[in-house]
Every structure is written in structure tokens, then in C-alpha cells.
Amino acid sequence: MLRGIFNLQIARELLGVRHPQIHINCVLTNLNLEQFPDFLRFLLSVREAHPENPLSGDFAFHLIPVGGAENENLRPNAEQWRKFYTKTWAEAEKVWQEYQESIGVPSNERRSLAEWVPFANPFLRVNHRGGLDGYCEQAAKGIYWATALTKRCYVAPTQAFVLPDGSQHWCGAHAIRRPRPLGNVREGGIRANIRRNITRLKELPNEFCFNCAGATCAINQSVERILCDQIRAMKADDSTAS
């Protein structure tokens, strides 16, 4: 893996380009939680910082809580999660701030770790009902996004997850749990299946959404905020007009 990363960096330098950027996915388990500051320090030691854009997204990382019932023995408990999101994350933040200083980022332009990679931290990337303690209790059970679900799913009609037998589901979380499918792509098109099931959107979120992907939760929360802002603006305009 490192050889591939170094070869890509050499190729970018030879071509005088900054793309493609390197993105790191890291699965969090009870074996590596406390090693995250060291892992970040290593990533930053390999990352190239260019003067024209020292805080580019190159080597941004995505921390993914371990999933799957078969990995229960690797799942951190509530106290381990709580320590990670407080003490360990604070240690990583110190590593990140020291790195920015070392590459000459002016103090007024420095960002927090969560600002540099907003999607990195599973707890900070979305709003969770119940706060950190509630999230950690759920995370210890392998339920990472239930407290971040919105009242409606705005992403479902824009995607599809098709299993090898052709059965189509709203998303990956549904495909894993396998409720009644939307249809079969061998019998009709993907868009036709979505169109035919539009009325079922009012059923979402449901019990199959508890392990909704974090990215989907982030998109849903963002869309809901925009919709609420627009509705408030429309109501304000109405009251002003009246």
C-alpha cells in the first residue's frame, strides 16, 4: 500500500499536478482506538504539503466504526468510545496543530482537525440526539447512526442497491437487512422501481435504518436544515406581506 502511495506521489510530482488526492479509510476497533494519534502522525509524515494549498484534502481520512455482528469481539465498549472522542481525539488534535505549525500555516488560518476533515469523526460529523454519552452507549451495541436519523429520508429516491439476484433496495443498510425489496431489476428498470415505490418513502426511517451510513445521515441532516430554512424564510415573507 505504501509503495503504491509513494508511486502516486512521484507520478504527481513528475506531471506537476496535485491530483488524484489520496484518501484514507480506517476502521476503528478496540485494537486501534488509542493508536489514532500515532496513526495520524504517521499519515502527516508521509503527506506532502504544498505552499499554494498546504491544507488541501490530500491524505484526508475517514474513521469507520467496526460493523457486523461477526466482529462483536472487536467492537469498543461505551467507555472506550467515550475515551476516544474525548482524550484520544484531543491528543490527535494536538498532533494536527503541531503539524500545521511545522508547515508554516499562519495561526489565524489554522483549522481544527474536525474542520480539516469534517467527515472524519463519526460523532462530530452529524448531530446526535442524546449527546456523547447516549451515542457511546449505542455505539457499544454496534448501532452508530440511529440517534442521527432525520424525520424523513431525502436520499432514498436518489439511489439504489441491487443484490446479485436482481432485487433492489433503497440503500445498502436495507440490502443488508433485506426487508421487502422495491422490485427486481430483471423485471423492470431501476428508475421504474423507485417511481413505483415513492409512496413507501413515508415509511422511512424504519427499523432497517438504524445502521444507516454516516454519509447518508450527514446529507439528510443538511437537506433538512436547508428545507427548514427555506420554510422559515417563506413564512417570514408571508407575515411581512400580510
Foldseek 3Di string as FASTA:
>chain_A
DVVVVVVVVVVCVVVVHDDDADEAEAEDWPVCLLVVLVVLLVLLVPDDADPVHRLDLHHHYAYHYDADPVCLVRQDALVSQVCSVPVSLVSSQVSQVVSCVVVPPDPVRDDTSCVSHVNHDLPRVAPFPPPSSVQSNCSNVRQHCQRLADQFQPCQLVDWDADPVQFIASDDLCVVVPDPGLDGCVVHNPNVSSVVCVVVRNVPPDPSCRNPPSVSSSVRVVVVVVVVVVVVVVVVVVVVVD
